[in-house]
Amino acid sequence: MGFRNRKHKIPEINSSSSADIAFLLLVFFLVTSSFDSKTGIYRKMSAPVAETVLKKRMDIQQRNLLTLTIDAENHIWYEKEEIPVEEIRDLGKVFITHSDIPRHVISLEIDRKANYQTYLSVVSELTAAYNELRSEAAKADFHTSWLRLTAEQKDSIQAAYPMHISEIEIKVVEEGGNP
């Protein structure tokens, strides 16, 4: 009789700390997750070179030096002529294959005021030139793609096409904007 008239209260969950718990979960997932970065350049920085070593370095012949300049207005110059980014890959491939390969250097002269995206585009095109030459060498030498090569085979092709890119900051720009 008293059993039906009795009101049962359903226990409530204390929600006062649920905001704290949600915040902690958010922080946990932000800290433990990784974000895929689609842009960027992988570069292994060389160790600082002593001045005595610099004096002993070989002289680079002009035909083994490709100089590209990025000015403050984000124009790219090669031999006093402006070139579009789209031509850099082919220019790089022609230069690399026609120079003394172990001694070639691609020199980037970059104005401090240049846009980072322009710099990134130039370096990406030069890297693509090396990658295409290495892929072509993999097919010619080992009859397979670059991705299927063993580490030893990749090392031999990288030795045949070593990446020598020098980056120099332009400190003084002459009037008129042309390098």
N, C-alpha and C. Protein backbone atom coordinates (compact mmCIF):
# COMPACT_ATOMS: atom_id res chain seq x y z
N MET A 1 0.78 -1.15 0.00
CA MET A 1 0.00 0.00 0.00
C MET A 1 0.85 1.25 0.00
N GLY A 2 1.77 1.39 0.91
CA GLY A 2 2.64 2.55 0.93
C GLY A 2 3.72 2.48 -0.15
N PHE A 3 3.80 1.32 -0.73
CA PHE A 3 4.85 1.13 -1.72
C PHE A 3 4.55 1.91 -3.00
N ARG A 4 3.31 2.00 -3.41
CA ARG A 4 2.96 2.68 -4.64
C ARG A 4 2.95 4.19 -4.47
N ASN A 5 2.68 4.67 -3.37
CA ASN A 5 2.61 6.10 -3.17
C ASN A 5 3.98 6.72 -2.92
N ARG A 6 4.90 5.94 -2.65
CA ARG A 6 6.24 6.45 -2.39
C ARG A 6 6.88 6.94 -3.67
N LYS A 7 7.41 8.14 -3.63
CA LYS A 7 8.07 8.68 -4.80
C LYS A 7 9.57 8.39 -4.69
N HIS A 8 10.04 7.76 -5.71
CA HIS A 8 11.47 7.47 -5.74
C HIS A 8 12.18 8.58 -6.51
N LYS A 9 13.15 9.13 -5.89
CA LYS A 9 13.96 10.13 -6.59
C LYS A 9 15.09 9.41 -7.32
N ILE A 10 15.26 9.82 -8.56
CA ILE A 10 16.37 9.27 -9.34
C ILE A 10 17.59 10.10 -8.98
N PRO A 11 18.68 9.42 -8.62
CA PRO A 11 19.87 10.17 -8.22
C PRO A 11 20.40 10.98 -9.41
N GLU A 12 20.81 12.19 -9.16
CA GLU A 12 21.36 13.06 -10.19
C GLU A 12 22.87 12.99 -10.18
N ILE A 13 23.42 13.21 -11.35
CA ILE A 13 24.88 13.25 -11.47
C ILE A 13 25.32 14.68 -11.23
N ASN A 14 26.30 14.81 -10.42
CA ASN A 14 26.83 16.14 -10.13
C ASN A 14 27.55 16.63 -11.38
N SER A 15 27.00 17.64 -12.02
CA SER A 15 27.57 18.15 -13.28
C SER A 15 28.45 19.38 -13.07
N SER A 16 28.74 19.70 -11.87
CA SER A 16 29.55 20.90 -11.63
C SER A 16 30.98 20.74 -12.12
N SER A 17 31.48 19.52 -12.19
CA SER A 17 32.86 19.34 -12.63
C SER A 17 32.95 18.86 -14.08
N SER A 18 31.83 18.75 -14.79
CA SER A 18 31.88 18.26 -16.16
C SER A 18 32.61 19.22 -17.09
N ALA A 19 32.54 20.50 -16.84
CA ALA A 19 33.30 21.46 -17.66
C ALA A 19 34.79 21.25 -17.46
N ASP A 20 35.20 20.99 -16.23
CA ASP A 20 36.62 20.71 -15.94
C ASP A 20 37.08 19.45 -16.65
N ILE A 21 36.23 18.43 -16.62
CA ILE A 21 36.58 17.17 -17.27
C ILE A 21 36.69 17.36 -18.78
N ALA A 22 35.75 18.09 -19.37
CA ALA A 22 35.81 18.35 -20.81
C ALA A 22 37.06 19.12 -21.17
N PHE A 23 37.43 20.10 -20.37
CA PHE A 23 38.64 20.87 -20.62
C PHE A 23 39.88 19.97 -20.55
N LEU A 24 39.94 19.12 -19.53
CA LEU A 24 41.09 18.21 -19.40
C LEU A 24 41.16 17.24 -20.59
N LEU A 25 40.01 16.74 -21.05
CA LEU A 25 40.02 15.87 -22.22
C LEU A 25 40.49 16.60 -23.47
N LEU A 26 40.05 17.83 -23.63
CA LEU A 26 40.49 18.64 -24.76
C LEU A 26 42.00 18.85 -24.74
N VAL A 27 42.52 19.21 -23.60
CA VAL A 27 43.97 19.41 -23.47
C VAL A 27 44.71 18.10 -23.73
N PHE A 28 44.20 17.00 -23.20
CA PHE A 28 44.83 15.70 -23.41
C PHE A 28 44.94 15.37 -24.89
N PHE A 29 43.83 15.53 -25.63
CA PHE A 29 43.84 15.19 -27.05
C PHE A 29 44.69 16.16 -27.87
N LEU A 30 44.74 17.42 -27.49
CA LEU A 30 45.60 18.37 -28.19
C LEU A 30 47.07 18.04 -28.00
N VAL A 31 47.41 17.61 -26.79
CA VAL A 31 48.81 17.31 -26.48
C VAL A 31 49.24 16.00 -27.11
N THR A 32 48.37 15.02 -27.14
CA THR A 32 48.78 13.69 -27.62
C THR A 32 48.60 13.50 -29.12
N SER A 33 47.84 14.35 -29.80
CA SER A 33 47.64 14.17 -31.23
C SER A 33 48.75 14.87 -32.01
N SER A 34 48.92 14.42 -33.22
CA SER A 34 49.92 15.04 -34.09
C SER A 34 49.20 15.67 -35.26
N PHE A 35 49.75 16.77 -35.75
CA PHE A 35 49.17 17.48 -36.88
C PHE A 35 50.07 17.28 -38.08
N ASP A 36 49.46 16.93 -39.18
CA ASP A 36 50.21 16.72 -40.41
C ASP A 36 50.51 18.07 -41.04
N SER A 37 51.78 18.36 -41.17
CA SER A 37 52.18 19.62 -41.77
C SER A 37 52.48 19.37 -43.24
N LYS A 38 51.73 19.99 -44.12
CA LYS A 38 51.90 19.77 -45.55
C LYS A 38 52.99 20.65 -46.15
N THR A 39 53.34 21.74 -45.48
CA THR A 39 54.36 22.61 -46.03
C THR A 39 55.59 22.56 -45.15
N GLY A 40 56.68 22.88 -45.74
CA GLY A 40 57.94 22.88 -45.02
C GLY A 40 59.02 22.26 -45.86
N ILE A 41 60.21 22.42 -45.41
CA ILE A 41 61.35 21.92 -46.17
C ILE A 41 62.23 21.13 -45.22
N TYR A 42 62.55 19.93 -45.62
CA TYR A 42 63.46 19.13 -44.82
C TYR A 42 64.88 19.52 -45.22
N ARG A 43 65.61 20.00 -44.28
CA ARG A 43 67.00 20.37 -44.51
C ARG A 43 67.83 19.94 -43.31
N LYS A 44 68.97 19.37 -43.60
CA LYS A 44 69.92 19.03 -42.56
C LYS A 44 70.98 20.11 -42.58
N MET A 45 71.03 20.89 -41.52
CA MET A 45 71.97 22.00 -41.45
C MET A 45 73.38 21.46 -41.24
N SER A 46 74.31 22.02 -41.95
CA SER A 46 75.69 21.60 -41.78
C SER A 46 76.28 22.26 -40.55
N ALA A 47 77.31 21.64 -40.06
CA ALA A 47 77.98 22.17 -38.88
C ALA A 47 78.74 23.45 -39.26
N PRO A 48 78.93 24.34 -38.31
CA PRO A 48 79.71 25.55 -38.62
C PRO A 48 81.11 25.18 -39.10
N VAL A 49 81.59 25.94 -40.06
CA VAL A 49 82.88 25.65 -40.67
C VAL A 49 83.91 26.67 -40.18
N ALA A 50 85.05 26.16 -39.77
CA ALA A 50 86.12 27.04 -39.31
C ALA A 50 86.70 27.81 -40.49
N GLU A 51 87.24 28.99 -40.22
CA GLU A 51 87.78 29.83 -41.30
C GLU A 51 88.94 29.16 -42.02
N THR A 52 89.73 28.36 -41.31
CA THR A 52 90.85 27.68 -41.97
C THR A 52 90.35 26.69 -43.00
N VAL A 53 89.22 26.04 -42.71
CA VAL A 53 88.64 25.10 -43.66
C VAL A 53 88.08 25.86 -44.85
N LEU A 54 87.45 27.02 -44.60
CA LEU A 54 86.90 27.82 -45.69
C LEU A 54 87.99 28.24 -46.67
N LYS A 55 89.17 28.58 -46.18
CA LYS A 55 90.26 29.02 -47.04
C LYS A 55 90.77 27.88 -47.91
N LYS A 56 90.64 26.64 -47.43
CA LYS A 56 91.16 25.50 -48.15
C LYS A 56 90.16 24.92 -49.16
N ARG A 57 88.93 25.39 -49.12
CA ARG A 57 87.92 24.86 -50.02
C ARG A 57 88.27 25.13 -51.48
N MET A 58 87.82 24.21 -52.33
CA MET A 58 88.11 24.35 -53.75
C MET A 58 87.37 25.55 -54.34
N ASP A 59 87.98 26.11 -55.33
CA ASP A 59 87.32 27.20 -56.06
C ASP A 59 86.26 26.59 -56.97
N ILE A 60 85.12 27.21 -56.97
CA ILE A 60 84.03 26.75 -57.82
C ILE A 60 84.11 27.48 -59.16
N GLN A 61 84.23 26.72 -60.22
CA GLN A 61 84.28 27.34 -61.54
C GLN A 61 82.90 27.90 -61.86
N GLN A 62 82.87 28.94 -62.67
CA GLN A 62 81.63 29.63 -62.98
C GLN A 62 80.59 28.70 -63.61
N ARG A 63 81.02 27.75 -64.41
CA ARG A 63 80.05 26.86 -65.04
C ARG A 63 79.44 25.88 -64.04
N ASN A 64 80.02 25.77 -62.86
CA ASN A 64 79.49 24.90 -61.81
C ASN A 64 78.71 25.68 -60.75
N LEU A 65 78.38 26.93 -61.04
CA LEU A 65 77.66 27.77 -60.09
C LEU A 65 76.41 28.34 -60.75
N LEU A 66 75.27 28.05 -60.18
CA LEU A 66 74.00 28.60 -60.64
C LEU A 66 73.52 29.54 -59.54
N THR A 67 73.37 30.82 -59.88
CA THR A 67 72.94 31.81 -58.89
C THR A 67 71.55 32.30 -59.23
N LEU A 68 70.64 32.12 -58.27
CA LEU A 68 69.28 32.64 -58.37
C LEU A 68 69.11 33.68 -57.29
N THR A 69 68.49 34.80 -57.63
CA THR A 69 68.30 35.89 -56.69
C THR A 69 66.81 36.16 -56.53
N ILE A 70 66.38 36.27 -55.28
CA ILE A 70 65.00 36.67 -54.97
C ILE A 70 65.09 38.05 -54.35
N ASP A 71 64.52 39.05 -55.03
CA ASP A 71 64.61 40.42 -54.52
C ASP A 71 63.46 40.75 -53.57
N ALA A 72 63.44 41.98 -53.08
CA ALA A 72 62.45 42.41 -52.10
C ALA A 72 61.03 42.40 -52.67
N GLU A 73 60.90 42.52 -53.99
CA GLU A 73 59.58 42.51 -54.63
C GLU A 73 59.17 41.10 -55.06
N ASN A 74 59.90 40.07 -54.61
CA ASN A 74 59.62 38.66 -54.89
C ASN A 74 59.80 38.29 -56.35
N HIS A 75 60.69 39.00 -57.03
CA HIS A 75 61.06 38.64 -58.40
C HIS A 75 62.26 37.70 -58.32
N ILE A 76 62.29 36.73 -59.21
CA ILE A 76 63.38 35.76 -59.24
C ILE A 76 64.24 36.07 -60.45
N TRP A 77 65.54 36.21 -60.21
CA TRP A 77 66.47 36.61 -61.26
C TRP A 77 67.50 35.52 -61.49
N TYR A 78 67.80 35.31 -62.78
CA TYR A 78 68.88 34.42 -63.19
C TYR A 78 69.64 35.14 -64.30
N GLU A 79 70.91 35.37 -64.08
CA GLU A 79 71.76 36.08 -65.04
C GLU A 79 71.09 37.37 -65.53
N LYS A 80 70.67 38.19 -64.61
CA LYS A 80 70.09 39.52 -64.84
C LYS A 80 68.79 39.49 -65.63
N GLU A 81 68.16 38.32 -65.71
CA GLU A 81 66.85 38.19 -66.35
C GLU A 81 65.88 37.60 -65.35
N GLU A 82 64.68 38.17 -65.33
CA GLU A 82 63.65 37.66 -64.44
C GLU A 82 63.07 36.37 -65.03
N ILE A 83 62.91 35.36 -64.17
CA ILE A 83 62.34 34.10 -64.63
C ILE A 83 61.17 33.72 -63.72
N PRO A 84 60.17 33.04 -64.28
CA PRO A 84 59.06 32.59 -63.44
C PRO A 84 59.44 31.33 -62.66
N VAL A 85 58.73 31.11 -61.57
CA VAL A 85 59.00 29.94 -60.72
C VAL A 85 58.87 28.64 -61.52
N GLU A 86 57.95 28.61 -62.45
CA GLU A 86 57.69 27.40 -63.21
C GLU A 86 58.89 26.94 -64.04
N GLU A 87 59.83 27.82 -64.34
CA GLU A 87 60.99 27.46 -65.15
C GLU A 87 62.19 27.01 -64.31
N ILE A 88 62.11 27.14 -63.01
CA ILE A 88 63.26 26.84 -62.16
C ILE A 88 63.59 25.36 -62.16
N ARG A 89 62.60 24.50 -62.16
CA ARG A 89 62.86 23.06 -62.14
C ARG A 89 63.65 22.64 -63.38
N ASP A 90 63.21 23.07 -64.55
CA ASP A 90 63.92 22.70 -65.79
C ASP A 90 65.31 23.33 -65.83
N LEU A 91 65.42 24.57 -65.39
CA LEU A 91 66.72 25.23 -65.33
C LEU A 91 67.66 24.46 -64.41
N GLY A 92 67.15 24.05 -63.26
CA GLY A 92 67.96 23.27 -62.31
C GLY A 92 68.40 21.95 -62.89
N LYS A 93 67.49 21.24 -63.55
CA LYS A 93 67.85 19.94 -64.13
C LYS A 93 68.93 20.09 -65.20
N VAL A 94 68.79 21.09 -66.07
CA VAL A 94 69.79 21.31 -67.12
C VAL A 94 71.14 21.66 -66.49
N PHE A 95 71.12 22.55 -65.49
CA PHE A 95 72.37 22.94 -64.83
C PHE A 95 73.04 21.75 -64.16
N ILE A 96 72.28 20.98 -63.39
CA ILE A 96 72.86 19.85 -62.64
C ILE A 96 73.47 18.83 -63.59
N THR A 97 72.80 18.53 -64.69
CA THR A 97 73.30 17.50 -65.60
C THR A 97 74.47 17.99 -66.45
N HIS A 98 74.62 19.32 -66.63
CA HIS A 98 75.70 19.83 -67.46
C HIS A 98 76.88 20.39 -66.66
N SER A 99 76.85 20.28 -65.36
CA SER A 99 77.98 20.76 -64.55
C SER A 99 78.81 19.57 -64.10
N ASP A 100 79.94 19.87 -63.48
CA ASP A 100 80.72 18.81 -62.84
C ASP A 100 79.95 18.45 -61.57
N ILE A 101 79.25 17.33 -61.60
CA ILE A 101 78.25 17.04 -60.58
C ILE A 101 78.77 17.11 -59.15
N PRO A 102 79.90 16.54 -58.81
CA PRO A 102 80.28 16.64 -57.40
C PRO A 102 80.63 18.06 -56.96
N ARG A 103 80.93 18.93 -57.90
CA ARG A 103 81.40 20.27 -57.54
C ARG A 103 80.38 21.37 -57.82
N HIS A 104 79.20 21.04 -58.25
CA HIS A 104 78.23 22.09 -58.57
C HIS A 104 77.60 22.67 -57.30
N VAL A 105 77.18 23.92 -57.40
CA VAL A 105 76.50 24.60 -56.30
C VAL A 105 75.40 25.47 -56.87
N ILE A 106 74.23 25.38 -56.27
CA ILE A 106 73.13 26.29 -56.60
C ILE A 106 73.07 27.30 -55.47
N SER A 107 73.29 28.54 -55.80
CA SER A 107 73.33 29.60 -54.80
C SER A 107 72.04 30.42 -54.86
N LEU A 108 71.37 30.51 -53.72
CA LEU A 108 70.18 31.34 -53.60
C LEU A 108 70.55 32.60 -52.84
N GLU A 109 70.36 33.74 -53.48
CA GLU A 109 70.58 35.02 -52.81
C GLU A 109 69.20 35.59 -52.53
N ILE A 110 68.88 35.78 -51.27
CA ILE A 110 67.53 36.14 -50.87
C ILE A 110 67.54 37.46 -50.12
N ASP A 111 66.72 38.38 -50.57
CA ASP A 111 66.54 39.65 -49.86
C ASP A 111 65.72 39.39 -48.59
N ARG A 112 66.08 40.06 -47.53
CA ARG A 112 65.40 39.88 -46.25
C ARG A 112 63.91 40.22 -46.36
N LYS A 113 63.55 41.11 -47.26
CA LYS A 113 62.16 41.54 -47.40
C LYS A 113 61.35 40.63 -48.32
N ALA A 114 61.98 39.63 -48.90
CA ALA A 114 61.28 38.72 -49.81
C ALA A 114 60.25 37.90 -49.03
N ASN A 115 59.21 37.52 -49.73
CA ASN A 115 58.15 36.72 -49.15
C ASN A 115 58.65 35.29 -48.93
N TYR A 116 58.27 34.71 -47.79
CA TYR A 116 58.68 33.35 -47.49
C TYR A 116 58.10 32.36 -48.51
N GLN A 117 56.90 32.61 -48.98
CA GLN A 117 56.28 31.71 -49.95
C GLN A 117 57.07 31.67 -51.26
N THR A 118 57.63 32.79 -51.67
CA THR A 118 58.46 32.81 -52.88
C THR A 118 59.71 31.96 -52.67
N TYR A 119 60.35 32.15 -51.54
CA TYR A 119 61.53 31.36 -51.19
C TYR A 119 61.18 29.87 -51.18
N LEU A 120 60.07 29.54 -50.53
CA LEU A 120 59.65 28.15 -50.42
C LEU A 120 59.37 27.55 -51.79
N SER A 121 58.76 28.32 -52.68
CA SER A 121 58.48 27.85 -54.04
C SER A 121 59.76 27.56 -54.81
N VAL A 122 60.74 28.44 -54.68
CA VAL A 122 62.02 28.24 -55.39
C VAL A 122 62.72 26.99 -54.87
N VAL A 123 62.80 26.85 -53.56
CA VAL A 123 63.48 25.68 -52.99
C VAL A 123 62.73 24.40 -53.34
N SER A 124 61.41 24.46 -53.35
CA SER A 124 60.62 23.28 -53.72
C SER A 124 60.88 22.87 -55.17
N GLU A 125 60.99 23.84 -56.05
CA GLU A 125 61.27 23.53 -57.46
C GLU A 125 62.68 22.94 -57.63
N LEU A 126 63.64 23.49 -56.90
CA LEU A 126 65.00 22.95 -56.98
C LEU A 126 65.06 21.53 -56.42
N THR A 127 64.36 21.30 -55.32
CA THR A 127 64.31 19.96 -54.74
C THR A 127 63.62 18.99 -55.70
N ALA A 128 62.57 19.45 -56.36
CA ALA A 128 61.88 18.61 -57.35
C ALA A 128 62.81 18.28 -58.51
N ALA A 129 63.67 19.21 -58.90
CA ALA A 129 64.62 18.93 -59.98
C ALA A 129 65.55 17.79 -59.58
N TYR A 130 66.09 17.86 -58.37
CA TYR A 130 66.95 16.77 -57.88
C TYR A 130 66.17 15.46 -57.81
N ASN A 131 64.94 15.51 -57.30
CA ASN A 131 64.15 14.29 -57.17
C ASN A 131 63.84 13.66 -58.52
N GLU A 132 63.54 14.48 -59.52
CA GLU A 132 63.27 13.95 -60.85
C GLU A 132 64.52 13.30 -61.45
N LEU A 133 65.66 13.96 -61.29
CA LEU A 133 66.91 13.37 -61.80
C LEU A 133 67.23 12.06 -61.09
N ARG A 134 67.00 12.02 -59.79
CA ARG A 134 67.25 10.78 -59.04
C ARG A 134 66.28 9.68 -59.45
N SER A 135 65.02 10.03 -59.72
CA SER A 135 64.04 9.04 -60.18
C SER A 135 64.42 8.49 -61.55
N GLU A 136 64.86 9.38 -62.43
CA GLU A 136 65.30 8.95 -63.76
C GLU A 136 66.51 8.03 -63.65
N ALA A 137 67.43 8.35 -62.75
CA ALA A 137 68.62 7.51 -62.56
C ALA A 137 68.23 6.15 -61.98
N ALA A 138 67.24 6.13 -61.09
CA ALA A 138 66.78 4.86 -60.51
C ALA A 138 66.21 3.95 -61.60
N LYS A 139 65.44 4.53 -62.49
CA LYS A 139 64.86 3.73 -63.58
C LYS A 139 65.94 3.27 -64.55
N ALA A 140 66.91 4.13 -64.83
CA ALA A 140 67.96 3.77 -65.77
C ALA A 140 68.94 2.76 -65.17
N ASP A 141 69.35 2.96 -63.93
CA ASP A 141 70.37 2.11 -63.33
C ASP A 141 69.82 0.81 -62.73
N PHE A 142 68.64 0.90 -62.10
CA PHE A 142 68.12 -0.25 -61.36
C PHE A 142 66.78 -0.76 -61.90
N HIS A 143 66.27 -0.14 -62.95
CA HIS A 143 65.03 -0.56 -63.61
C HIS A 143 63.84 -0.64 -62.63
N THR A 144 63.79 0.31 -61.72
CA THR A 144 62.68 0.39 -60.77
C THR A 144 62.51 1.83 -60.31
N SER A 145 61.46 2.07 -59.59
CA SER A 145 61.20 3.44 -59.13
C SER A 145 62.06 3.75 -57.90
N TRP A 146 62.18 5.02 -57.63
CA TRP A 146 62.97 5.50 -56.48
C TRP A 146 62.43 4.89 -55.18
N LEU A 147 61.14 4.77 -55.04
CA LEU A 147 60.52 4.28 -53.81
C LEU A 147 60.85 2.81 -53.53
N ARG A 148 61.16 2.07 -54.55
CA ARG A 148 61.44 0.63 -54.38
C ARG A 148 62.92 0.33 -54.21
N LEU A 149 63.77 1.33 -54.24
CA LEU A 149 65.20 1.09 -54.09
C LEU A 149 65.56 0.74 -52.65
N THR A 150 66.64 -0.01 -52.51
CA THR A 150 67.16 -0.27 -51.17
C THR A 150 67.91 0.97 -50.69
N ALA A 151 68.22 0.99 -49.42
CA ALA A 151 68.94 2.14 -48.86
C ALA A 151 70.30 2.31 -49.53
N GLU A 152 70.95 1.21 -49.85
CA GLU A 152 72.27 1.27 -50.50
C GLU A 152 72.15 1.83 -51.92
N GLN A 153 71.11 1.43 -52.63
CA GLN A 153 70.90 1.94 -53.99
C GLN A 153 70.57 3.43 -53.96
N LYS A 154 69.75 3.84 -53.00
CA LYS A 154 69.42 5.27 -52.86
C LYS A 154 70.67 6.09 -52.56
N ASP A 155 71.52 5.55 -51.69
CA ASP A 155 72.76 6.26 -51.37
C ASP A 155 73.64 6.43 -52.60
N SER A 156 73.70 5.43 -53.46
CA SER A 156 74.55 5.54 -54.66
C SER A 156 74.00 6.59 -55.62
N ILE A 157 72.68 6.68 -55.73
CA ILE A 157 72.10 7.69 -56.62
C ILE A 157 72.23 9.07 -56.01
N GLN A 158 72.07 9.18 -54.70
CA GLN A 158 72.25 10.48 -54.05
C GLN A 158 73.70 10.94 -54.15
N ALA A 159 74.62 10.01 -54.16
CA ALA A 159 76.02 10.38 -54.36
C ALA A 159 76.26 10.85 -55.80
N ALA A 160 75.51 10.28 -56.73
CA ALA A 160 75.64 10.70 -58.13
C ALA A 160 75.01 12.07 -58.35
N TYR A 161 73.96 12.38 -57.60
CA TYR A 161 73.27 13.67 -57.69
C TYR A 161 73.17 14.30 -56.30
N PRO A 162 74.30 14.75 -55.75
CA PRO A 162 74.25 15.37 -54.42
C PRO A 162 73.59 16.74 -54.47
N MET A 163 72.82 17.06 -53.44
CA MET A 163 72.11 18.33 -53.40
C MET A 163 73.00 19.37 -52.74
N HIS A 164 73.45 20.36 -53.53
CA HIS A 164 74.28 21.45 -53.03
C HIS A 164 73.55 22.77 -53.26
N ILE A 165 72.80 23.20 -52.24
CA ILE A 165 72.09 24.47 -52.33
C ILE A 165 72.63 25.38 -51.24
N SER A 166 73.15 26.51 -51.66
CA SER A 166 73.69 27.50 -50.72
C SER A 166 72.71 28.66 -50.63
N GLU A 167 72.46 29.14 -49.42
CA GLU A 167 71.53 30.25 -49.22
C GLU A 167 72.27 31.43 -48.61
N ILE A 168 72.13 32.58 -49.25
CA ILE A 168 72.82 33.80 -48.81
C ILE A 168 71.80 34.91 -48.68
N GLU A 169 71.87 35.64 -47.60
CA GLU A 169 70.98 36.79 -47.43
C GLU A 169 71.61 38.01 -48.07
N ILE A 170 70.83 38.71 -48.89
CA ILE A 170 71.30 39.95 -49.51
C ILE A 170 71.21 41.04 -48.46
N LYS A 171 72.32 41.70 -48.20
CA LYS A 171 72.32 42.74 -47.17
C LYS A 171 72.08 44.11 -47.75
N VAL A 172 72.63 44.37 -48.92
CA VAL A 172 72.48 45.69 -49.55
C VAL A 172 71.92 45.46 -50.94
N VAL A 173 70.82 46.15 -51.23
CA VAL A 173 70.22 46.06 -52.56
C VAL A 173 70.42 47.41 -53.25
N GLU A 174 70.89 47.34 -54.49
CA GLU A 174 71.15 48.57 -55.23
C GLU A 174 69.84 49.23 -55.61
N GLU A 175 69.88 50.51 -55.91
CA GLU A 175 68.70 51.25 -56.38
C GLU A 175 68.21 50.64 -57.68
N GLY A 176 66.92 50.65 -57.89
CA GLY A 176 66.35 50.12 -59.12
C GLY A 176 65.83 48.71 -58.96
N GLY A 177 66.21 47.99 -57.91
CA GLY A 177 65.65 46.68 -57.62
C GLY A 177 66.31 45.52 -58.33
N ASN A 178 67.02 45.71 -59.42
CA ASN A 178 67.66 44.61 -60.12
C ASN A 178 68.95 44.23 -59.44
N PRO A 179 69.20 42.95 -59.30
CA PRO A 179 70.46 42.51 -58.66
C PRO A 179 71.65 42.73 -59.55
